[in-house]
Amino acid sequence: MEHRRIGSLQVTVIGVGCNNFGWRIDARATKAVVNAALEAGINFFDTADVYGKGQSEEFLGAALGSRRDEAIIATKFGMRMDETRSGAKPEYIRRAVDESLDRLGTGHIDLYQLHQPDPDTPIADTLGALEDLVRAGKVREIGCSNFSAAKIRQAESEARIGGRSRFECVQNQYSLMHREPEDEILPQCERLGIAFLPYFPLANGLLTGKYEGGKPVPPGSRAEAGFGPKVFTNQNLAKVDALSSFAAARGHTLLELAFSWLLSWHSVSSVIAGARLPEQVRANAAAANWSLSPDELLELDWIARQD
C-alpha cells in the first residue's frame, strides 16, 4: 500500500479510525479488526482518549500486543473526559499523555493530537508542553484537530518563534459531501507542508454504498442509529445515487470513489475510516486504487455541489 508523510512518520494512505472500539464493538471484535488491518498492509490507527471513555485506547493497545512495532498509533487529547480532565493546559497535557500511554500499553505515541482548540489556554503554552513530550520521547510528532485556518497559522507562527515542534497535521471533517476545508484549510496545508487527515470520509456512512434513495436503511446501520434525520436526507441520497452511477460507469464502487477522491489531494496523507468488521477493513484497504483524471474530478465537483 502507498505511504505518505506526517512529519517524520510514513503512514499508509488508508488508516483505521478507532472510534467504534469500546463503543460499538468489544475487545474481541476490536482485535479482529486490528488483525485484519495489519494483514491488509494498514499501519495507521487513529484513536482518542474520549473514545469509549478510554476503552478505545485500551482495546487498541491490547489488540496490537506484540505487533506494536508494526503500527503507527495516533491518539488525541483535549475533549472533556470528566470535570477534572479536559483542555490543553500544560499540567493537564502531562497527565493526559501518561494516562493514554498506560491505556495503550506502549512507551510512546507516534502522533499526539490536540482534539479541539482550547480558548482558555494560549497556544504557545500548549506547544511548549507538547515540545517537552517530544524531547522526553513520549511523543514522536504532534498535530491538531478541528482547527480553523487562522488557528493553524497562529500555531505555526508560535512554533517558529519559540523554536518548538510544530503541528505536522490537522484532522478535520472532509468528504465528497462536506467540502468546507477546500476554502481555506487545504490551501493552507499545501502552503505550510502540513498533512491533512479527513475524518468522516464516508459522510457518516452515506458513501459506503449501502444506502439508496427510496429504500429502507439497513438494520444496525448508522442511519438507523440516529444519524438519519440530519444526514440521510432525500437531497443527500440523490447525490449519492448520482455518485454511485458515476463510479459504476467506470467500473468502480462508491467506496472506491470516496477514498480515491480524497487522496487526489496531495496534502491528504491518510484516509481514516472506522470499521466494526474485518471485511470492512479489507474493503477499505482495497479502495484506494483509482487515479482520477482532471476531467473526472471536474465532473465530480459538479455532481457533489448540486443542491
C-alpha atoms as a PDB file:
ATOM      1  CA  MET A   1       0.000   0.000   0.000  1.00  0.00           C
ATOM      2  CA  GLU A   2       1.168   3.533  -0.729  1.00  0.00           C
ATOM      3  CA  HIS A   3       2.595   5.545   2.173  1.00  0.00           C
ATOM      4  CA  ARG A   4       2.525   9.302   2.705  1.00  0.00           C
ATOM      5  CA  ARG A   5       4.220  11.586   5.195  1.00  0.00           C
ATOM      6  CA  ILE A   6       3.127  13.115   8.504  1.00  0.00           C
ATOM      7  CA  GLY A   7       6.281  14.823   9.693  1.00  0.00           C
ATOM      8  CA  SER A   8       8.823  12.026  10.163  1.00  0.00           C
ATOM      9  CA  LEU A   9       6.114   9.342  10.043  1.00  0.00           C
ATOM     10  CA  GLN A  10       5.295   7.265   6.972  1.00  0.00           C
ATOM     11  CA  VAL A  11       1.635   6.252   7.176  1.00  0.00           C
ATOM     12  CA  THR A  12      -0.464   4.120   4.871  1.00  0.00           C
ATOM     13  CA  VAL A  13      -2.922   6.080   2.752  1.00  0.00           C
ATOM     14  CA  ILE A  14      -5.731   4.090   4.347  1.00  0.00           C
ATOM     15  CA  GLY A  15      -5.946   4.086   8.132  1.00  0.00           C
ATOM     16  CA  VAL A  16      -8.334   2.796  10.769  1.00  0.00           C
ATOM     17  CA  GLY A  17     -10.468   5.195  12.771  1.00  0.00           C
ATOM     18  CA  CYS A  18     -10.871   3.614  16.196  1.00  0.00           C
ATOM     19  CA  ASN A  19     -13.968   5.458  17.405  1.00  0.00           C
ATOM     20  CA  ASN A  20     -16.006   2.229  17.284  1.00  0.00           C
ATOM     21  CA  PHE A  21     -13.672   0.472  19.721  1.00  0.00           C
ATOM     22  CA  GLY A  22     -15.188   0.361  23.197  1.00  0.00           C
ATOM     23  CA  TRP A  23     -18.439   1.858  21.951  1.00  0.00           C
ATOM     24  CA  ARG A  24     -19.921  -0.214  19.145  1.00  0.00           C
ATOM     25  CA  ILE A  25     -17.574  -3.229  19.404  1.00  0.00           C
ATOM     26  CA  ASP A  26     -15.902  -5.061  22.301  1.00  0.00           C
ATOM     27  CA  ALA A  27     -12.281  -6.116  22.854  1.00  0.00           C
ATOM     28  CA  ARG A  28     -12.599  -9.361  20.898  1.00  0.00           C
ATOM     29  CA  ALA A  29     -14.139  -7.678  17.850  1.00  0.00           C
ATOM     30  CA  THR A  30     -11.526  -4.906  18.076  1.00  0.00           C
ATOM     31  CA  LYS A  31      -8.734  -7.473  17.883  1.00  0.00           C
ATOM     32  CA  ALA A  32     -10.299  -8.997  14.771  1.00  0.00           C
ATOM     33  CA  VAL A  33     -10.462  -5.557  13.095  1.00  0.00           C
ATOM     34  CA  VAL A  34      -6.885  -4.673  14.073  1.00  0.00           C
ATOM     35  CA  ASN A  35      -5.511  -8.000  12.847  1.00  0.00           C
ATOM     36  CA  ALA A  36      -7.371  -7.645   9.551  1.00  0.00           C
ATOM     37  CA  ALA A  37      -5.927  -4.160   9.108  1.00  0.00           C
ATOM     38  CA  LEU A  38      -2.347  -5.278   9.736  1.00  0.00           C
ATOM     39  CA  GLU A  39      -2.728  -8.232   7.380  1.00  0.00           C
ATOM     40  CA  ALA A  40      -4.103  -5.882   4.704  1.00  0.00           C
ATOM     41  CA  GLY A  41      -0.989  -3.715   4.989  1.00  0.00           C
ATOM     42  CA  ILE A  42      -2.520  -0.873   7.022  1.00  0.00           C
ATOM     43  CA  ASN A  43      -0.190   0.615   9.633  1.00  0.00           C
ATOM     44  CA  PHE A  44      -2.079   3.717  10.811  1.00  0.00           C
ATOM     45  CA  PHE A  45      -4.557   3.647  13.716  1.00  0.00           C
ATOM     46  CA  ASP A  46      -6.241   6.833  14.939  1.00  0.00           C
ATOM     47  CA  THR A  47      -7.963   6.927  18.326  1.00  0.00           C
ATOM     48  CA  ALA A  48      -8.626   9.404  21.167  1.00  0.00           C
ATOM     49  CA  ASP A  49      -8.783   9.302  24.940  1.00  0.00           C
ATOM     50  CA  VAL A  50     -12.528  10.114  24.906  1.00  0.00           C
ATOM     51  CA  TYR A  51     -13.485   7.286  22.535  1.00  0.00           C
ATOM     52  CA  GLY A  52     -15.317   4.686  24.569  1.00  0.00           C
ATOM     53  CA  LYS A  53     -14.321   6.642  27.697  1.00  0.00           C
ATOM     54  CA  GLY A  54     -10.776   5.338  27.371  1.00  0.00           C
ATOM     55  CA  GLN A  55     -11.638   1.843  26.226  1.00  0.00           C
ATOM     56  CA  SER A  56     -10.751   2.526  22.597  1.00  0.00           C
ATOM     57  CA  GLU A  57      -7.123   3.102  23.610  1.00  0.00           C
ATOM     58  CA  GLU A  58      -7.186   0.086  25.929  1.00  0.00           C
ATOM     59  CA  PHE A  59      -8.660  -2.220  23.292  1.00  0.00           C
ATOM     60  CA  LEU A  60      -6.293  -0.957  20.583  1.00  0.00           C
ATOM     61  CA  GLY A  61      -3.214  -1.447  22.749  1.00  0.00           C
ATOM     62  CA  ALA A  62      -4.281  -4.940  23.756  1.00  0.00           C
ATOM     63  CA  ALA A  63      -5.144  -5.887  20.169  1.00  0.00           C
ATOM     64  CA  LEU A  64      -1.746  -4.781  18.867  1.00  0.00           C
ATOM     65  CA  GLY A  65       0.142  -6.564  21.647  1.00  0.00           C
ATOM     66  CA  SER A  66       3.467  -7.851  20.364  1.00  0.00           C
ATOM     67  CA  ARG A  67       2.770  -6.296  16.948  1.00  0.00           C
ATOM     68  CA  ARG A  68       3.027  -2.753  18.333  1.00  0.00           C
ATOM     69  CA  ASP A  69       6.088  -2.006  16.194  1.00  0.00           C
ATOM     70  CA  GLU A  70       4.065  -2.685  13.021  1.00  0.00           C
ATOM     71  CA  ALA A  71       1.692   0.166  13.839  1.00  0.00           C
ATOM     72  CA  ILE A  72       1.729   3.927  13.918  1.00  0.00           C
ATOM     73  CA  ILE A  73      -0.565   4.983  16.747  1.00  0.00           C
ATOM     74  CA  ALA A  74      -2.258   8.373  16.717  1.00  0.00           C
ATOM     75  CA  THR A  75      -4.363   9.493  19.641  1.00  0.00           C
ATOM     76  CA  LYS A  76      -5.936  12.737  20.760  1.00  0.00           C
ATOM     77  CA  PHE A  77      -6.487  14.700  23.970  1.00  0.00           C
ATOM     78  CA  GLY A  78      -8.365  17.827  24.988  1.00  0.00           C
ATOM     79  CA  MET A  79     -12.037  16.930  24.863  1.00  0.00           C
ATOM     80  CA  ARG A  80     -13.793  16.546  28.191  1.00  0.00           C
ATOM     81  CA  MET A  81     -13.169  13.221  29.936  1.00  0.00           C
ATOM     82  CA  ASP A  82     -14.721  14.406  33.216  1.00  0.00           C
ATOM     83  CA  GLU A  83     -14.813  17.571  35.321  1.00  0.00           C
ATOM     84  CA  THR A  84     -11.072  17.422  36.044  1.00  0.00           C
ATOM     85  CA  ARG A  85      -9.792  16.213  32.660  1.00  0.00           C
ATOM     86  CA  SER A  86     -10.123  18.436  29.600  1.00  0.00           C
ATOM     87  CA  GLY A  87      -8.428  21.254  27.716  1.00  0.00           C
ATOM     88  CA  ALA A  88      -4.842  21.951  26.713  1.00  0.00           C
ATOM     89  CA  LYS A  89      -3.145  23.469  29.756  1.00  0.00           C
ATOM     90  CA  PRO A  90       0.415  22.165  30.249  1.00  0.00           C
ATOM     91  CA  GLU A  91      -0.326  20.485  33.582  1.00  0.00           C
ATOM     92  CA  TYR A  92      -3.241  18.600  32.070  1.00  0.00           C
ATOM     93  CA  ILE A  93      -1.286  17.588  28.969  1.00  0.00           C
ATOM     94  CA  ARG A  94       1.329  15.928  31.191  1.00  0.00           C
ATOM     95  CA  ARG A  95      -1.401  13.969  32.943  1.00  0.00           C
ATOM     96  CA  ALA A  96      -3.318  13.115  29.772  1.00  0.00           C
ATOM     97  CA  VAL A  97      -0.338  11.699  27.881  1.00  0.00           C
ATOM     98  CA  ASP A  98       0.665   9.424  30.758  1.00  0.00           C
ATOM     99  CA  GLU A  99      -2.884   8.121  31.049  1.00  0.00           C
ATOM    100  CA  SER A 100      -3.040   7.445  27.299  1.00  0.00           C
ATOM    101  CA  LEU A 101       0.346   5.700  27.349  1.00  0.00           C
ATOM    102  CA  ASP A 102      -0.874   3.497  30.184  1.00  0.00           C
ATOM    103  CA  ARG A 103      -4.132   2.594  28.422  1.00  0.00           C
ATOM    104  CA  LEU A 104      -2.321   1.893  25.145  1.00  0.00           C
ATOM    105  CA  GLY A 105       0.342  -0.157  26.911  1.00  0.00           C
ATOM    106  CA  THR A 106       3.149   1.500  24.982  1.00  0.00           C
ATOM    107  CA  GLY A 107       6.216   3.600  25.706  1.00  0.00           C
ATOM    108  CA  HIS A 108       5.496   6.248  23.099  1.00  0.00           C
ATOM    109  CA  ILE A 109       2.708   7.732  20.990  1.00  0.00           C
ATOM    110  CA  ASP A 110       3.602   8.261  17.343  1.00  0.00           C
ATOM    111  CA  LEU A 111       1.195  11.145  16.728  1.00  0.00           C
ATOM    112  CA  TYR A 112      -0.345  13.120  19.608  1.00  0.00           C
ATOM    113  CA  GLN A 113      -3.123  15.495  18.574  1.00  0.00           C
ATOM    114  CA  LEU A 114      -4.980  18.310  20.305  1.00  0.00           C
ATOM    115  CA  HIS A 115      -8.583  17.242  19.700  1.00  0.00           C
ATOM    116  CA  GLN A 116     -10.023  20.762  19.611  1.00  0.00           C
ATOM    117  CA  PRO A 117      -8.846  24.322  20.310  1.00  0.00           C
ATOM    118  CA  ASP A 118      -8.774  25.387  23.952  1.00  0.00           C
ATOM    119  CA  PRO A 119      -9.886  29.050  24.147  1.00  0.00           C
ATOM    120  CA  ASP A 120      -8.662  29.292  27.744  1.00  0.00           C
ATOM    121  CA  THR A 121      -5.041  28.340  27.038  1.00  0.00           C
ATOM    122  CA  PRO A 122      -2.546  30.263  24.862  1.00  0.00           C
ATOM    123  CA  ILE A 123      -1.393  28.042  22.020  1.00  0.00           C
ATOM    124  CA  ALA A 124       2.231  28.873  22.893  1.00  0.00           C
ATOM    125  CA  ASP A 125       1.740  27.222  26.309  1.00  0.00           C
ATOM    126  CA  THR A 126       0.243  24.127  24.701  1.00  0.00           C
ATOM    127  CA  LEU A 127       3.052  23.857  22.151  1.00  0.00           C
ATOM    128  CA  GLY A 128       5.635  24.254  24.908  1.00  0.00           C
ATOM    129  CA  ALA A 129       4.170  21.340  26.849  1.00  0.00           C
ATOM    130  CA  LEU A 130       3.973  19.190  23.728  1.00  0.00           C
ATOM    131  CA  GLU A 131       7.599  20.036  22.908  1.00  0.00           C
ATOM    132  CA  ASP A 132       8.562  18.698  26.333  1.00  0.00           C
ATOM    133  CA  LEU A 133       6.817  15.411  25.495  1.00  0.00           C
ATOM    134  CA  VAL A 134       8.716  15.147  22.207  1.00  0.00           C
ATOM    135  CA  ARG A 135      12.033  15.798  23.966  1.00  0.00           C
ATOM    136  CA  ALA A 136      11.162  13.193  26.612  1.00  0.00           C
ATOM    137  CA  GLY A 137      10.494  10.585  23.922  1.00  0.00           C
ATOM    138  CA  LYS A 138       6.858  10.112  24.911  1.00  0.00           C
ATOM    139  CA  VAL A 139       5.607  11.547  21.596  1.00  0.00           C
ATOM    140  CA  ARG A 140       7.148  11.475  18.107  1.00  0.00           C
ATOM    141  CA  GLU A 141       5.018  14.046  16.264  1.00  0.00           C
ATOM    142  CA  ILE A 142       2.175  16.398  17.211  1.00  0.00           C
ATOM    143  CA  GLY A 143      -0.966  17.507  15.410  1.00  0.00           C
ATOM    144  CA  CYS A 144      -4.289  19.244  15.870  1.00  0.00           C
ATOM    145  CA  SER A 145      -7.937  18.650  15.047  1.00  0.00           C
ATOM    146  CA  ASN A 146     -10.934  20.875  14.381  1.00  0.00           C
ATOM    147  CA  PHE A 147      -8.689  23.912  13.848  1.00  0.00           C
ATOM    148  CA  SER A 148      -9.563  26.807  11.550  1.00  0.00           C
ATOM    149  CA  ALA A 149      -7.067  28.150   9.020  1.00  0.00           C
ATOM    150  CA  ALA A 150      -6.460  31.172  11.266  1.00  0.00           C
ATOM    151  CA  LYS A 151      -5.653  28.956  14.256  1.00  0.00           C
ATOM    152  CA  ILE A 152      -3.320  26.819  12.129  1.00  0.00           C
ATOM    153  CA  ARG A 153      -1.449  29.968  11.074  1.00  0.00           C
ATOM    154  CA  GLN A 154      -1.235  31.135  14.677  1.00  0.00           C
ATOM    155  CA  ALA A 155       0.125  27.779  15.867  1.00  0.00           C
ATOM    156  CA  GLU A 156       2.686  27.713  13.048  1.00  0.00           C
ATOM    157  CA  SER A 157       3.855  31.231  13.929  1.00  0.00           C
ATOM    158  CA  GLU A 158       4.192  30.418  17.636  1.00  0.00           C
ATOM    159  CA  ALA A 159       6.125  27.229  16.872  1.00  0.00           C
ATOM    160  CA  ARG A 160       8.592  29.145  14.711  1.00  0.00           C
ATOM    161  CA  ILE A 161       9.026  31.985  17.200  1.00  0.00           C
ATOM    162  CA  GLY A 162       9.624  29.599  20.080  1.00  0.00           C
ATOM    163  CA  GLY A 163      11.687  27.100  18.102  1.00  0.00           C
ATOM    164  CA  ARG A 164       9.260  24.365  19.124  1.00  0.00           C
ATOM    165  CA  SER A 165       7.821  21.300  17.415  1.00  0.00           C
ATOM    166  CA  ARG A 166       5.050  22.285  15.015  1.00  0.00           C
ATOM    167  CA  PHE A 167       1.699  20.707  14.312  1.00  0.00           C
ATOM    168  CA  GLU A 168       2.527  18.307  11.475  1.00  0.00           C
ATOM    169  CA  CYS A 169      -1.109  17.574  10.635  1.00  0.00           C
ATOM    170  CA  VAL A 170      -4.631  18.820  11.023  1.00  0.00           C
ATOM    171  CA  GLN A 171      -7.619  16.483  11.258  1.00  0.00           C
ATOM    172  CA  ASN A 172     -10.956  17.996  10.197  1.00  0.00           C
ATOM    173  CA  GLN A 173     -14.195  16.729   8.688  1.00  0.00           C
ATOM    174  CA  TYR A 174     -13.965  16.316   4.925  1.00  0.00           C
ATOM    175  CA  SER A 175     -15.662  14.197   2.260  1.00  0.00           C
ATOM    176  CA  LEU A 176     -17.379  14.496  -1.093  1.00  0.00           C
ATOM    177  CA  MET A 177     -20.462  15.518   0.895  1.00  0.00           C
ATOM    178  CA  HIS A 178     -18.693  18.034   3.161  1.00  0.00           C
ATOM    179  CA  ARG A 179     -16.378  20.369   1.246  1.00  0.00           C
ATOM    180  CA  GLU A 180     -15.687  23.201   3.724  1.00  0.00           C
ATOM    181  CA  PRO A 181     -11.901  22.511   4.109  1.00  0.00           C
ATOM    182  CA  GLU A 182     -11.340  23.397   0.454  1.00  0.00           C
ATOM    183  CA  ASP A 183     -11.984  27.093   1.114  1.00  0.00           C
ATOM    184  CA  GLU A 184      -9.006  27.745   3.400  1.00  0.00           C
ATOM    185  CA  ILE A 185      -7.744  24.686   5.292  1.00  0.00           C
ATOM    186  CA  LEU A 186      -6.416  22.587   2.395  1.00  0.00           C
ATOM    187  CA  PRO A 187      -4.687  25.510   0.644  1.00  0.00           C
ATOM    188  CA  GLN A 188      -3.113  26.406   3.990  1.00  0.00           C
ATOM    189  CA  CYS A 189      -1.873  22.840   4.450  1.00  0.00           C
ATOM    190  CA  GLU A 190      -0.361  22.907   0.957  1.00  0.00           C
ATOM    191  CA  ARG A 191       1.467  26.183   1.645  1.00  0.00           C
ATOM    192  CA  LEU A 192       2.854  25.089   5.015  1.00  0.00           C
ATOM    193  CA  GLY A 193       3.573  21.463   4.143  1.00  0.00           C
ATOM    194  CA  ILE A 194       1.172  20.215   6.816  1.00  0.00           C
ATOM    195  CA  ALA A 195      -0.580  16.877   6.338  1.00  0.00           C
ATOM    196  CA  PHE A 196      -4.376  16.774   6.286  1.00  0.00           C
ATOM    197  CA  LEU A 197      -6.360  13.884   7.786  1.00  0.00           C
ATOM    198  CA  PRO A 198     -10.059  13.815   6.846  1.00  0.00           C
ATOM    199  CA  TYR A 199     -12.460  12.433   9.417  1.00  0.00           C
ATOM    200  CA  PHE A 200     -15.943  11.218   8.472  1.00  0.00           C
ATOM    201  CA  PRO A 201     -14.511  10.442   4.983  1.00  0.00           C
ATOM    202  CA  LEU A 202     -17.578   8.351   4.206  1.00  0.00           C
ATOM    203  CA  ALA A 203     -20.011  11.035   5.420  1.00  0.00           C
ATOM    204  CA  ASN A 204     -21.408   9.008   8.328  1.00  0.00           C
ATOM    205  CA  GLY A 205     -21.832   6.021   6.023  1.00  0.00           C
ATOM    206  CA  LEU A 206     -23.539   7.811   3.134  1.00  0.00           C
ATOM    207  CA  LEU A 207     -20.644   6.937   0.811  1.00  0.00           C
ATOM    208  CA  THR A 208     -20.300   3.270   1.744  1.00  0.00           C
ATOM    209  CA  GLY A 209     -22.690   2.146  -0.987  1.00  0.00           C
ATOM    210  CA  LYS A 210     -25.220   0.742   1.493  1.00  0.00           C
ATOM    211  CA  TYR A 211     -27.817   3.469   1.006  1.00  0.00           C
ATOM    212  CA  GLU A 212     -30.070   4.233  -1.945  1.00  0.00           C
ATOM    213  CA  GLY A 213     -32.852   6.764  -2.366  1.00  0.00           C
ATOM    214  CA  GLY A 214     -36.338   5.365  -1.777  1.00  0.00           C
ATOM    215  CA  LYS A 215     -35.110   2.223   0.004  1.00  0.00           C
ATOM    216  CA  PRO A 216     -35.216   1.401   3.751  1.00  0.00           C
ATOM    217  CA  VAL A 217     -31.955   1.903   5.649  1.00  0.00           C
ATOM    218  CA  PRO A 218     -30.090  -1.319   6.544  1.00  0.00           C
ATOM    219  CA  PRO A 219     -30.720  -2.715  10.053  1.00  0.00           C
ATOM    220  CA  GLY A 220     -27.990  -1.796  12.535  1.00  0.00           C
ATOM    221  CA  SER A 221     -26.607   0.960  10.310  1.00  0.00           C
ATOM    222  CA  ARG A 222     -25.658   4.467  11.398  1.00  0.00           C
ATOM    223  CA  ALA A 223     -28.803   5.775   9.729  1.00  0.00           C
ATOM    224  CA  GLU A 224     -30.913   3.544  11.961  1.00  0.00           C
ATOM    225  CA  ALA A 225     -28.772   4.503  14.985  1.00  0.00           C
ATOM    226  CA  GLY A 226     -29.850   8.139  14.831  1.00  0.00           C
ATOM    227  CA  PHE A 227     -27.864   9.898  12.125  1.00  0.00           C
ATOM    228  CA  GLY A 228     -30.770   9.652   9.698  1.00  0.00           C
ATOM    229  CA  PRO A 229     -32.681  12.934  10.163  1.00  0.00           C
ATOM    230  CA  LYS A 230     -29.676  15.216   9.531  1.00  0.00           C
ATOM    231  CA  VAL A 231     -27.542  13.120   7.166  1.00  0.00           C
ATOM    232  CA  PHE A 232     -29.706  10.697   5.211  1.00  0.00           C
ATOM    233  CA  THR A 233     -31.936  13.295   3.594  1.00  0.00           C
ATOM    234  CA  ASN A 234     -33.574  12.908   0.185  1.00  0.00           C
ATOM    235  CA  GLN A 235     -31.216  15.561  -1.203  1.00  0.00           C
ATOM    236  CA  ASN A 236     -28.118  13.749   0.047  1.00  0.00           C
ATOM    237  CA  LEU A 237     -29.375  10.374  -1.143  1.00  0.00           C
ATOM    238  CA  ALA A 238     -29.965  11.822  -4.611  1.00  0.00           C
ATOM    239  CA  LYS A 239     -26.320  12.935  -4.704  1.00  0.00           C
ATOM    240  CA  VAL A 240     -25.217   9.502  -3.551  1.00  0.00           C
ATOM    241  CA  ASP A 241     -27.190   7.880  -6.368  1.00  0.00           C
ATOM    242  CA  ALA A 242     -25.504  10.194  -8.898  1.00  0.00           C
ATOM    243  CA  LEU A 243     -22.051   9.476  -7.464  1.00  0.00           C
ATOM    244  CA  SER A 244     -22.735   5.720  -7.483  1.00  0.00           C
ATOM    245  CA  SER A 245     -23.726   5.894 -11.152  1.00  0.00           C
ATOM    246  CA  PHE A 246     -20.560   7.875 -11.936  1.00  0.00           C
ATOM    247  CA  ALA A 247     -18.389   5.212 -10.266  1.00  0.00           C
ATOM    248  CA  ALA A 248     -20.261   2.229 -11.749  1.00  0.00           C
ATOM    249  CA  ALA A 249     -19.954   3.643 -15.275  1.00  0.00           C
ATOM    250  CA  ARG A 250     -16.179   3.477 -14.838  1.00  0.00           C
ATOM    251  CA  GLY A 251     -16.054   0.025 -13.257  1.00  0.00           C
ATOM    252  CA  HIS A 252     -15.630   1.208  -9.667  1.00  0.00           C
ATOM    253  CA  THR A 253     -17.649   1.251  -6.455  1.00  0.00           C
ATOM    254  CA  LEU A 254     -18.848   4.257  -4.496  1.00  0.00           C
ATOM    255  CA  LEU A 255     -16.447   3.292  -1.686  1.00  0.00           C
ATOM    256  CA  GLU A 256     -13.502   3.379  -4.107  1.00  0.00           C
ATOM    257  CA  LEU A 257     -14.654   6.756  -5.352  1.00  0.00           C
ATOM    258  CA  ALA A 258     -14.902   8.224  -1.833  1.00  0.00           C
ATOM    259  CA  PHE A 259     -11.360   7.184  -0.852  1.00  0.00           C
ATOM    260  CA  SER A 260      -9.670   7.863  -4.179  1.00  0.00           C
ATOM    261  CA  TRP A 261     -11.238  11.324  -4.480  1.00  0.00           C
ATOM    262  CA  LEU A 262      -9.871  12.335  -1.065  1.00  0.00           C
ATOM    263  CA  LEU A 263      -6.420  11.009  -1.942  1.00  0.00           C
ATOM    264  CA  SER A 264      -6.355  13.097  -5.113  1.00  0.00           C
ATOM    265  CA  TRP A 265      -5.352  15.941  -2.764  1.00  0.00           C
ATOM    266  CA  HIS A 266      -1.579  15.841  -2.223  1.00  0.00           C
ATOM    267  CA  SER A 267      -1.902  17.171   1.322  1.00  0.00           C
ATOM    268  CA  VAL A 268      -4.179  14.270   2.375  1.00  0.00           C
ATOM    269  CA  SER A 269      -1.816  11.775   3.983  1.00  0.00           C
ATOM    270  CA  SER A 270      -4.260   9.105   5.116  1.00  0.00           C
ATOM    271  CA  VAL A 271      -7.988   8.456   4.955  1.00  0.00           C
ATOM    272  CA  ILE A 272      -9.057   7.108   8.337  1.00  0.00           C
ATOM    273  CA  ALA A 273     -12.356   5.270   8.307  1.00  0.00           C
ATOM    274  CA  GLY A 274     -13.997   3.399  11.146  1.00  0.00           C
ATOM    275  CA  ALA A 275     -14.784  -0.294  10.935  1.00  0.00           C
ATOM    276  CA  ARG A 276     -16.695  -2.798  13.023  1.00  0.00           C
ATOM    277  CA  LEU A 277     -15.895  -5.902  10.979  1.00  0.00           C
ATOM    278  CA  PRO A 278     -12.734  -7.351   9.376  1.00  0.00           C
ATOM    279  CA  GLU A 279     -14.382  -7.387   5.949  1.00  0.00           C
ATOM    280  CA  GLN A 280     -14.989  -3.634   6.198  1.00  0.00           C
ATOM    281  CA  VAL A 281     -11.276  -3.054   6.833  1.00  0.00           C
ATOM    282  CA  ARG A 282     -10.311  -5.239   3.889  1.00  0.00           C
ATOM    283  CA  ALA A 283     -12.725  -3.369   1.615  1.00  0.00           C
ATOM    284  CA  ASN A 284     -11.306  -0.036   2.785  1.00  0.00           C
ATOM    285  CA  ALA A 285      -7.729  -1.206   2.217  1.00  0.00           C
ATOM    286  CA  ALA A 286      -8.544  -2.175  -1.380  1.00  0.00           C
ATOM    287  CA  ALA A 287     -10.450   1.021  -2.145  1.00  0.00           C
ATOM    288  CA  ALA A 288      -7.638   3.499  -2.849  1.00  0.00           C
ATOM    289  CA  ASN A 289      -6.838   2.143  -6.296  1.00  0.00           C
ATOM    290  CA  TRP A 290      -8.369   4.709  -8.658  1.00  0.00           C
ATOM    291  CA  SER A 291      -6.336   7.574 -10.068  1.00  0.00           C
ATOM    292  CA  LEU A 292      -8.985  10.105 -11.057  1.00  0.00           C
ATOM    293  CA  SER A 293      -8.331  12.231 -14.143  1.00  0.00           C
ATOM    294  CA  PRO A 294      -8.684  16.050 -14.123  1.00  0.00           C
ATOM    295  CA  ASP A 295     -11.871  15.755 -16.189  1.00  0.00           C
ATOM    296  CA  GLU A 296     -13.326  13.209 -13.773  1.00  0.00           C
ATOM    297  CA  LEU A 297     -12.504  15.479 -10.836  1.00  0.00           C
ATOM    298  CA  LEU A 298     -14.301  18.373 -12.529  1.00  0.00           C
ATOM    299  CA  GLU A 299     -17.392  16.251 -13.169  1.00  0.00           C
ATOM    300  CA  LEU A 300     -17.399  15.014  -9.583  1.00  0.00           C
ATOM    301  CA  ASP A 301     -17.132  18.568  -8.316  1.00  0.00           C
ATOM    302  CA  TRP A 302     -20.225  19.484 -10.337  1.00  0.00           C
ATOM    303  CA  ILE A 303     -22.199  16.461  -9.066  1.00  0.00           C
ATOM    304  CA  ALA A 304     -21.270  16.998  -5.419  1.00  0.00           C
ATOM    305  CA  ARG A 305     -22.199  20.680  -5.470  1.00  0.00           C
ATOM    306  CA  GLN A 306     -25.721  20.198  -6.819  1.00  0.00           C
ATOM    307  CA  ASP A 307     -28.492  21.425  -4.499  1.00  0.00           C
END
